Amino acid sequence: MTVYIDPPNWPGHGRMWSHLVSDVSYAELHLFAEGLGVPRRGFERDHYDLPSHRYADAVLAGAVEVSSREVVRLLHGAGLRRRKRGVPR
């Protein structure tokens, strides 16, 4: 099982956030997130939003550190990218 995480560069709700993704399946991603104790409500379309204070936990559990661009590339390559509705391509 390999999941990937980008640096916590995304602001929201007074915190910085990372994206946790799989390049295989959502089932793999859900299983990994469950192992970290991340609630399912943290899943958004094709990734989990993970607060910066959980970044090291994810890496210690085996998440591979990649850039934000690499996260998007991995999702596209796996056919798992789900865009927000109303966002032009």
N, C-alpha and C. Protein backbone atom coordinates (compact mmCIF):
# COMPACT_ATOMS: atom_id res chain seq x y z
N MET A 1 0.85 -1.18 0.00
CA MET A 1 0.00 0.00 0.00
C MET A 1 0.89 1.23 0.00
N THR A 2 0.67 2.11 -0.97
CA THR A 2 1.38 3.38 -1.00
C THR A 2 0.38 4.50 -1.11
N VAL A 3 0.44 5.42 -0.20
CA VAL A 3 -0.32 6.66 -0.29
C VAL A 3 0.67 7.81 -0.27
N TYR A 4 0.22 8.96 -0.70
CA TYR A 4 1.10 10.10 -0.87
C TYR A 4 0.54 11.31 -0.14
N ILE A 5 1.42 12.20 0.30
CA ILE A 5 1.01 13.40 1.00
C ILE A 5 1.84 14.58 0.52
N ASP A 6 1.16 15.70 0.31
CA ASP A 6 1.89 16.91 -0.06
C ASP A 6 2.13 17.76 1.19
N PRO A 7 3.03 18.75 1.10
CA PRO A 7 3.32 19.59 2.26
C PRO A 7 2.07 20.37 2.71
N PRO A 8 1.99 20.69 3.98
CA PRO A 8 0.84 21.46 4.47
C PRO A 8 0.92 22.93 4.04
N ASN A 9 0.56 23.18 2.79
CA ASN A 9 0.64 24.52 2.20
C ASN A 9 -0.71 25.16 1.97
N TRP A 10 -1.79 24.49 2.35
CA TRP A 10 -3.13 24.95 1.99
C TRP A 10 -3.85 25.50 3.22
N PRO A 11 -4.13 26.82 3.24
CA PRO A 11 -4.78 27.41 4.41
C PRO A 11 -6.29 27.16 4.42
N GLY A 12 -6.82 27.05 5.62
CA GLY A 12 -8.26 26.93 5.79
C GLY A 12 -8.61 26.74 7.25
N HIS A 13 -9.63 27.44 7.68
CA HIS A 13 -10.13 27.31 9.05
C HIS A 13 -9.04 27.57 10.09
N GLY A 14 -8.16 28.53 9.79
CA GLY A 14 -7.11 28.90 10.74
C GLY A 14 -5.98 27.91 10.85
N ARG A 15 -5.88 26.98 9.90
CA ARG A 15 -4.82 25.96 9.91
C ARG A 15 -4.21 25.84 8.52
N MET A 16 -3.15 25.05 8.46
CA MET A 16 -2.57 24.67 7.17
C MET A 16 -2.86 23.19 6.97
N TRP A 17 -3.09 22.81 5.71
CA TRP A 17 -3.55 21.46 5.39
C TRP A 17 -2.69 20.81 4.30
N SER A 18 -2.63 19.49 4.37
CA SER A 18 -2.02 18.64 3.34
C SER A 18 -3.13 17.84 2.67
N HIS A 19 -2.77 17.26 1.53
CA HIS A 19 -3.67 16.35 0.83
C HIS A 19 -3.07 14.95 0.87
N LEU A 20 -3.88 13.99 1.27
CA LEU A 20 -3.48 12.59 1.33
C LEU A 20 -4.21 11.86 0.22
N VAL A 21 -3.47 11.19 -0.69
CA VAL A 21 -4.07 10.54 -1.85
C VAL A 21 -3.49 9.14 -2.07
N SER A 22 -4.22 8.38 -2.86
CA SER A 22 -3.75 7.07 -3.33
C SER A 22 -3.64 7.13 -4.85
N ASP A 23 -2.73 6.35 -5.40
CA ASP A 23 -2.66 6.23 -6.86
C ASP A 23 -3.19 4.87 -7.30
N VAL A 24 -3.92 4.18 -6.39
CA VAL A 24 -4.47 2.87 -6.69
C VAL A 24 -5.99 2.87 -6.59
N SER A 25 -6.51 3.28 -5.42
CA SER A 25 -7.96 3.24 -5.22
C SER A 25 -8.37 4.07 -4.01
N TYR A 26 -9.64 4.43 -3.99
CA TYR A 26 -10.18 5.13 -2.82
C TYR A 26 -10.22 4.17 -1.63
N ALA A 27 -10.45 2.90 -1.89
CA ALA A 27 -10.49 1.91 -0.79
C ALA A 27 -9.15 1.88 -0.07
N GLU A 28 -8.05 1.89 -0.82
CA GLU A 28 -6.72 1.92 -0.21
C GLU A 28 -6.55 3.18 0.63
N LEU A 29 -6.98 4.31 0.10
CA LEU A 29 -6.86 5.57 0.80
C LEU A 29 -7.68 5.58 2.08
N HIS A 30 -8.92 5.08 2.01
CA HIS A 30 -9.78 5.03 3.20
C HIS A 30 -9.17 4.13 4.28
N LEU A 31 -8.60 3.02 3.87
CA LEU A 31 -7.98 2.09 4.82
C LEU A 31 -6.80 2.76 5.53
N PHE A 32 -5.97 3.46 4.78
CA PHE A 32 -4.82 4.15 5.38
C PHE A 32 -5.30 5.23 6.34
N ALA A 33 -6.24 6.03 5.90
CA ALA A 33 -6.76 7.11 6.75
C ALA A 33 -7.39 6.55 8.02
N GLU A 34 -8.11 5.46 7.89
CA GLU A 34 -8.72 4.83 9.05
C GLU A 34 -7.65 4.41 10.05
N GLY A 35 -6.55 3.87 9.55
CA GLY A 35 -5.44 3.46 10.41
C GLY A 35 -4.82 4.63 11.17
N LEU A 36 -4.90 5.82 10.57
CA LEU A 36 -4.40 7.02 11.24
C LEU A 36 -5.43 7.62 12.19
N GLY A 37 -6.66 7.12 12.12
CA GLY A 37 -7.73 7.69 12.94
C GLY A 37 -8.34 8.94 12.34
N VAL A 38 -8.17 9.11 11.03
CA VAL A 38 -8.73 10.28 10.35
C VAL A 38 -10.20 9.98 10.04
N PRO A 39 -11.11 10.86 10.47
CA PRO A 39 -12.53 10.60 10.21
C PRO A 39 -12.87 10.69 8.73
N ARG A 40 -13.85 9.92 8.30
CA ARG A 40 -14.26 9.90 6.89
C ARG A 40 -14.69 11.28 6.41
N ARG A 41 -15.16 12.13 7.31
CA ARG A 41 -15.58 13.48 6.90
C ARG A 41 -14.40 14.30 6.36
N GLY A 42 -13.17 13.84 6.59
CA GLY A 42 -12.00 14.51 6.04
C GLY A 42 -11.75 14.20 4.58
N PHE A 43 -12.56 13.28 4.02
CA PHE A 43 -12.42 12.91 2.60
C PHE A 43 -13.19 13.90 1.74
N GLU A 44 -12.53 14.46 0.74
CA GLU A 44 -13.17 15.41 -0.15
C GLU A 44 -12.90 15.04 -1.60
N ARG A 45 -13.89 14.45 -2.25
CA ARG A 45 -13.89 14.05 -3.66
C ARG A 45 -12.85 12.99 -4.00
N ASP A 46 -11.55 13.28 -3.81
CA ASP A 46 -10.50 12.35 -4.23
C ASP A 46 -9.30 12.33 -3.29
N HIS A 47 -9.43 12.99 -2.15
CA HIS A 47 -8.32 13.09 -1.20
C HIS A 47 -8.83 13.32 0.21
N TYR A 48 -7.96 13.12 1.16
CA TYR A 48 -8.24 13.53 2.54
C TYR A 48 -7.50 14.82 2.81
N ASP A 49 -8.17 15.73 3.49
CA ASP A 49 -7.49 16.92 4.00
C ASP A 49 -6.95 16.56 5.37
N LEU A 50 -5.67 16.79 5.55
CA LEU A 50 -5.00 16.43 6.80
C LEU A 50 -4.35 17.68 7.39
N PRO A 51 -4.68 18.04 8.63
CA PRO A 51 -4.08 19.24 9.22
C PRO A 51 -2.58 19.06 9.43
N SER A 52 -1.87 20.16 9.41
CA SER A 52 -0.41 20.13 9.46
C SER A 52 0.13 19.37 10.67
N HIS A 53 -0.57 19.40 11.79
CA HIS A 53 -0.05 18.69 12.97
C HIS A 53 -0.13 17.17 12.83
N ARG A 54 -0.80 16.67 11.79
CA ARG A 54 -0.89 15.22 11.53
C ARG A 54 0.05 14.77 10.41
N TYR A 55 0.74 15.72 9.79
CA TYR A 55 1.63 15.41 8.66
C TYR A 55 2.67 14.36 9.04
N ALA A 56 3.38 14.58 10.12
CA ALA A 56 4.43 13.63 10.54
C ALA A 56 3.85 12.26 10.86
N ASP A 57 2.64 12.21 11.43
CA ASP A 57 1.99 10.93 11.71
C ASP A 57 1.78 10.14 10.41
N ALA A 58 1.32 10.83 9.38
CA ALA A 58 1.08 10.17 8.09
C ALA A 58 2.37 9.64 7.49
N VAL A 59 3.43 10.45 7.57
CA VAL A 59 4.73 10.02 7.02
C VAL A 59 5.27 8.83 7.81
N LEU A 60 5.16 8.88 9.12
CA LEU A 60 5.62 7.75 9.95
C LEU A 60 4.82 6.47 9.65
N ALA A 61 3.56 6.63 9.27
CA ALA A 61 2.72 5.48 8.94
C ALA A 61 2.99 4.96 7.53
N GLY A 62 3.81 5.69 6.75
CA GLY A 62 4.19 5.20 5.43
C GLY A 62 3.80 6.06 4.25
N ALA A 63 3.16 7.19 4.48
CA ALA A 63 2.82 8.07 3.36
C ALA A 63 4.11 8.63 2.76
N VAL A 64 4.14 8.67 1.45
CA VAL A 64 5.31 9.17 0.72
C VAL A 64 5.14 10.66 0.48
N GLU A 65 6.16 11.43 0.84
CA GLU A 65 6.13 12.88 0.68
C GLU A 65 6.38 13.24 -0.78
N VAL A 66 5.43 14.02 -1.35
CA VAL A 66 5.55 14.49 -2.73
C VAL A 66 5.08 15.94 -2.79
N SER A 67 5.33 16.58 -3.91
CA SER A 67 4.87 17.95 -4.10
C SER A 67 3.36 17.96 -4.40
N SER A 68 2.77 19.14 -4.30
CA SER A 68 1.35 19.28 -4.62
C SER A 68 1.09 18.98 -6.09
N ARG A 69 1.99 19.36 -6.94
CA ARG A 69 1.83 19.03 -8.37
C ARG A 69 1.86 17.53 -8.60
N GLU A 70 2.71 16.85 -7.85
CA GLU A 70 2.81 15.39 -7.98
C GLU A 70 1.52 14.72 -7.50
N VAL A 71 0.89 15.26 -6.46
CA VAL A 71 -0.40 14.73 -6.00
C VAL A 71 -1.41 14.75 -7.13
N VAL A 72 -1.51 15.89 -7.82
CA VAL A 72 -2.47 16.01 -8.92
C VAL A 72 -2.09 15.06 -10.05
N ARG A 73 -0.81 14.97 -10.38
CA ARG A 73 -0.36 14.07 -11.45
C ARG A 73 -0.70 12.62 -11.12
N LEU A 74 -0.48 12.22 -9.87
CA LEU A 74 -0.78 10.85 -9.46
C LEU A 74 -2.27 10.55 -9.56
N LEU A 75 -3.10 11.49 -9.13
CA LEU A 75 -4.55 11.29 -9.21
C LEU A 75 -5.00 11.16 -10.67
N HIS A 76 -4.49 12.04 -11.52
CA HIS A 76 -4.85 11.97 -12.95
C HIS A 76 -4.38 10.64 -13.55
N GLY A 77 -3.15 10.27 -13.27
CA GLY A 77 -2.60 9.04 -13.83
C GLY A 77 -3.37 7.80 -13.42
N ALA A 78 -3.93 7.81 -12.23
CA ALA A 78 -4.69 6.67 -11.72
C ALA A 78 -6.16 6.74 -12.12
N GLY A 79 -6.56 7.84 -12.76
CA GLY A 79 -7.97 8.01 -13.11
C GLY A 79 -8.85 8.28 -11.90
N LEU A 80 -8.26 8.78 -10.81
CA LEU A 80 -9.00 9.02 -9.58
C LEU A 80 -9.30 10.50 -9.33
N ARG A 81 -8.88 11.38 -10.22
CA ARG A 81 -9.09 12.82 -10.01
C ARG A 81 -10.56 13.16 -10.19
N ARG A 82 -11.13 13.81 -9.20
CA ARG A 82 -12.50 14.30 -9.27
C ARG A 82 -12.47 15.81 -9.03
N ARG A 83 -12.81 16.55 -10.05
CA ARG A 83 -12.79 18.00 -9.96
C ARG A 83 -14.04 18.51 -9.26
N LYS A 84 -13.94 19.70 -8.67
CA LYS A 84 -15.11 20.37 -8.11
C LYS A 84 -16.06 20.69 -9.25
N ARG A 85 -17.33 20.61 -8.98
CA ARG A 85 -18.31 20.99 -10.00
C ARG A 85 -18.20 22.48 -10.28
N GLY A 86 -18.36 22.84 -11.53
CA GLY A 86 -18.31 24.24 -11.91
C GLY A 86 -16.92 24.78 -12.12
N VAL A 87 -15.89 23.95 -11.96
CA VAL A 87 -14.51 24.40 -12.18
C VAL A 87 -14.12 24.05 -13.62
N PRO A 88 -13.81 25.05 -14.43
CA PRO A 88 -13.44 24.76 -15.81
C PRO A 88 -12.14 23.97 -15.90
N ARG A 89 -12.01 23.19 -16.93
CA ARG A 89 -10.79 22.37 -17.12
C ARG A 89 -9.67 23.18 -17.65
